[in-house]
Structures are given as structure tokens and as C-alpha cells.
């Protein structure tokens, strides 16, 4: 199971092994200033409209170099 960052249904981030790791990557890249908390739908959405959702990727077969992007 993998997670990635999205904006308006467009994927803008690399796959991460956890939802928290996807948010951390967005934080480190400067896309967000804080990791958001869940809203009433139990979906974390940033003030800029960015969100993380599950993607169909197998992270076990990817190298560490690919995961860091």
C-alpha cells in the first residue's frame, strides 16, 4: 500500500509508504507549512487544497533512490 500527494485530483507527489510520510515529504519540499489534521470527512486537507490518498503502487520493488523523490 502506498500514498501520494494530490491537488484537484491530480497527483503531484511521489509514492510514500505511509500517509504521514507523504505529508512529511510535502512539508520538507515546501508545499505545506504544517501537516494538516483530519476534517469532518476524516480526510486530511491542507489549507492549499492538497490531500493525500492511497495509490496502487508496489513500493517493495522500488529502490531507495526512487522513494526519496
N, C-alpha and C. Protein backbone atom coordinates (compact mmCIF):
# COMPACT_ATOMS: atom_id res chain seq x y z
N UNK A 1 0.84 -1.16 0.00
CA UNK A 1 0.00 0.00 0.00
C UNK A 1 0.90 1.24 0.00
N UNK A 2 0.53 2.21 -0.80
CA UNK A 2 1.32 3.44 -0.91
C UNK A 2 0.36 4.63 -0.92
N UNK A 3 0.92 5.80 -0.62
CA UNK A 3 0.14 7.03 -0.57
C UNK A 3 0.89 8.12 -1.34
N UNK A 4 0.13 9.06 -1.92
CA UNK A 4 0.75 10.15 -2.66
C UNK A 4 -0.05 11.43 -2.45
N UNK A 5 0.61 12.55 -2.71
CA UNK A 5 0.01 13.87 -2.57
C UNK A 5 -0.75 14.23 -3.84
N UNK A 6 -1.93 14.84 -3.66
CA UNK A 6 -2.78 15.23 -4.79
C UNK A 6 -3.24 16.67 -4.62
N UNK A 7 -3.57 17.28 -5.76
CA UNK A 7 -4.19 18.59 -5.81
C UNK A 7 -5.21 18.57 -6.93
N UNK A 8 -6.46 18.82 -6.60
CA UNK A 8 -7.56 18.80 -7.58
C UNK A 8 -7.52 17.53 -8.43
N UNK A 9 -7.46 16.40 -7.79
CA UNK A 9 -7.46 15.07 -8.43
C UNK A 9 -6.24 14.79 -9.30
N UNK A 10 -5.23 15.63 -9.22
CA UNK A 10 -4.00 15.40 -9.98
C UNK A 10 -2.89 15.04 -8.99
N UNK A 11 -2.23 13.93 -9.25
CA UNK A 11 -1.14 13.50 -8.38
C UNK A 11 0.07 14.41 -8.59
N UNK A 12 0.59 14.95 -7.48
CA UNK A 12 1.74 15.85 -7.59
C UNK A 12 2.92 15.38 -6.74
N UNK A 13 2.79 14.24 -6.08
CA UNK A 13 3.87 13.74 -5.23
C UNK A 13 4.21 12.30 -5.52
N UNK A 14 5.44 11.93 -5.16
CA UNK A 14 5.89 10.55 -5.31
C UNK A 14 5.20 9.67 -4.27
N UNK A 15 5.14 8.40 -4.55
CA UNK A 15 4.53 7.45 -3.63
C UNK A 15 5.37 7.35 -2.36
N UNK A 16 4.67 7.23 -1.24
CA UNK A 16 5.31 7.07 0.07
C UNK A 16 4.70 5.85 0.76
N UNK A 17 5.43 5.23 1.67
CA UNK A 17 4.91 4.02 2.31
C UNK A 17 3.75 4.26 3.27
N UNK A 18 3.63 5.48 3.80
CA UNK A 18 2.53 5.80 4.72
C UNK A 18 1.95 7.16 4.37
N UNK A 19 0.74 7.41 4.86
CA UNK A 19 0.11 8.70 4.64
C UNK A 19 0.92 9.82 5.32
N UNK A 20 1.40 9.54 6.53
CA UNK A 20 2.21 10.53 7.25
C UNK A 20 3.49 10.85 6.49
N UNK A 21 4.13 9.85 5.91
CA UNK A 21 5.35 10.09 5.15
C UNK A 21 5.08 10.95 3.92
N UNK A 22 3.94 10.77 3.27
CA UNK A 22 3.57 11.61 2.12
C UNK A 22 3.43 13.07 2.57
N UNK A 23 2.80 13.30 3.74
CA UNK A 23 2.68 14.66 4.27
C UNK A 23 4.04 15.22 4.64
N UNK A 24 4.90 14.40 5.23
CA UNK A 24 6.24 14.87 5.61
C UNK A 24 7.04 15.31 4.38
N UNK A 25 6.91 14.58 3.30
CA UNK A 25 7.61 14.95 2.06
C UNK A 25 7.10 16.29 1.53
N UNK A 26 5.79 16.51 1.62
CA UNK A 26 5.22 17.79 1.20
C UNK A 26 5.74 18.91 2.08
N UNK A 27 5.86 18.65 3.37
CA UNK A 27 6.38 19.63 4.31
C UNK A 27 7.84 19.97 4.00
N UNK A 28 8.65 18.94 3.79
CA UNK A 28 10.07 19.16 3.51
C UNK A 28 10.31 19.83 2.15
N UNK A 29 9.40 19.62 1.21
CA UNK A 29 9.57 20.24 -0.11
C UNK A 29 9.03 21.67 -0.15
N UNK A 30 8.39 22.10 0.93
CA UNK A 30 7.88 23.47 0.99
C UNK A 30 6.47 23.65 0.46
N UNK A 31 5.78 22.58 0.12
CA UNK A 31 4.42 22.69 -0.39
C UNK A 31 3.42 23.05 0.70
N UNK A 32 3.73 22.67 1.94
CA UNK A 32 2.88 22.99 3.08
C UNK A 32 3.76 23.49 4.21
N UNK A 33 3.17 24.18 5.18
CA UNK A 33 3.94 24.67 6.33
C UNK A 33 3.65 23.87 7.59
N UNK A 34 2.54 23.14 7.62
CA UNK A 34 2.17 22.27 8.73
C UNK A 34 1.46 21.05 8.18
N UNK A 35 1.60 19.94 8.88
CA UNK A 35 0.84 18.74 8.50
C UNK A 35 -0.58 18.93 9.00
N UNK A 36 -1.58 18.85 8.11
CA UNK A 36 -2.96 19.15 8.50
C UNK A 36 -3.57 18.06 9.38
N UNK A 37 -4.63 18.43 10.07
CA UNK A 37 -5.40 17.48 10.87
C UNK A 37 -6.62 17.05 10.05
N UNK A 38 -7.25 15.97 10.46
CA UNK A 38 -8.42 15.47 9.73
C UNK A 38 -9.57 16.46 9.81
N UNK A 39 -10.32 16.56 8.71
CA UNK A 39 -11.51 17.40 8.72
C UNK A 39 -12.73 16.54 9.05
N UNK A 40 -13.92 17.07 8.88
CA UNK A 40 -15.15 16.36 9.23
C UNK A 40 -15.35 15.07 8.43
N UNK A 41 -14.69 14.94 7.29
CA UNK A 41 -14.81 13.73 6.47
C UNK A 41 -13.72 12.72 6.81
N UNK A 42 -12.92 13.03 7.82
CA UNK A 42 -11.78 12.21 8.22
C UNK A 42 -10.74 12.13 7.12
N UNK A 43 -10.65 13.20 6.33
CA UNK A 43 -9.65 13.31 5.27
C UNK A 43 -8.79 14.51 5.61
N UNK A 44 -7.48 14.32 5.57
CA UNK A 44 -6.60 15.43 5.86
C UNK A 44 -6.45 16.28 4.60
N UNK A 45 -6.76 17.57 4.73
CA UNK A 45 -6.68 18.50 3.62
C UNK A 45 -5.91 19.73 4.10
N UNK A 46 -4.92 20.14 3.33
CA UNK A 46 -4.15 21.33 3.71
C UNK A 46 -4.93 22.58 3.34
N UNK A 47 -4.47 23.73 3.85
CA UNK A 47 -5.12 25.00 3.53
C UNK A 47 -5.05 25.30 2.04
N UNK A 48 -4.07 24.75 1.35
CA UNK A 48 -3.92 24.99 -0.09
C UNK A 48 -4.72 23.99 -0.92
N UNK A 49 -5.47 23.10 -0.28
CA UNK A 49 -6.29 22.14 -1.01
C UNK A 49 -5.56 20.87 -1.38
N UNK A 50 -4.38 20.67 -0.84
CA UNK A 50 -3.62 19.44 -1.09
C UNK A 50 -4.14 18.33 -0.18
N UNK A 51 -4.12 17.11 -0.67
CA UNK A 51 -4.54 15.98 0.15
C UNK A 51 -3.76 14.75 -0.25
N UNK A 52 -3.77 13.76 0.63
CA UNK A 52 -3.06 12.51 0.40
C UNK A 52 -4.09 11.40 0.26
N UNK A 53 -3.88 10.53 -0.71
CA UNK A 53 -4.75 9.37 -0.82
C UNK A 53 -3.94 8.16 -1.25
N UNK A 54 -4.55 7.01 -1.07
CA UNK A 54 -3.90 5.75 -1.40
C UNK A 54 -3.77 5.61 -2.91
N UNK A 55 -2.62 5.08 -3.35
CA UNK A 55 -2.39 4.83 -4.77
C UNK A 55 -2.01 3.36 -4.95
N UNK A 56 -2.21 2.87 -6.14
CA UNK A 56 -1.89 1.48 -6.44
C UNK A 56 -0.47 1.37 -6.95
N UNK A 57 0.46 1.29 -6.01
CA UNK A 57 1.87 1.11 -6.36
C UNK A 57 2.48 0.13 -5.39
N UNK A 58 3.39 -0.65 -5.87
CA UNK A 58 4.10 -1.60 -5.04
C UNK A 58 5.45 -1.00 -4.68
N UNK A 59 5.59 -0.54 -3.45
CA UNK A 59 6.83 0.11 -3.03
C UNK A 59 7.98 -0.86 -2.79
N UNK A 60 7.69 -2.13 -2.58
CA UNK A 60 8.74 -3.09 -2.28
C UNK A 60 9.70 -3.29 -3.43
N UNK A 61 9.26 -3.06 -4.65
CA UNK A 61 10.09 -3.28 -5.81
C UNK A 61 10.81 -2.03 -6.29
N UNK A 62 10.70 -0.94 -5.53
CA UNK A 62 11.34 0.31 -5.92
C UNK A 62 12.59 0.51 -5.07
N UNK A 63 13.56 1.13 -5.63
CA UNK A 63 14.81 1.39 -4.91
C UNK A 63 14.63 2.53 -3.92
N UNK A 64 15.57 2.64 -2.96
CA UNK A 64 15.53 3.75 -2.01
C UNK A 64 15.65 5.08 -2.71
N UNK A 65 16.39 5.14 -3.79
CA UNK A 65 16.56 6.39 -4.53
C UNK A 65 15.23 6.87 -5.10
N UNK A 66 14.43 5.95 -5.64
CA UNK A 66 13.13 6.32 -6.19
C UNK A 66 12.17 6.79 -5.10
N UNK A 67 12.26 6.21 -3.90
CA UNK A 67 11.35 6.56 -2.83
C UNK A 67 11.63 7.94 -2.25
N UNK A 68 12.84 8.42 -2.40
CA UNK A 68 13.18 9.70 -1.80
C UNK A 68 12.74 10.89 -2.62
N UNK A 69 12.23 10.70 -3.80
CA UNK A 69 11.81 11.83 -4.64
C UNK A 69 10.41 12.26 -4.33
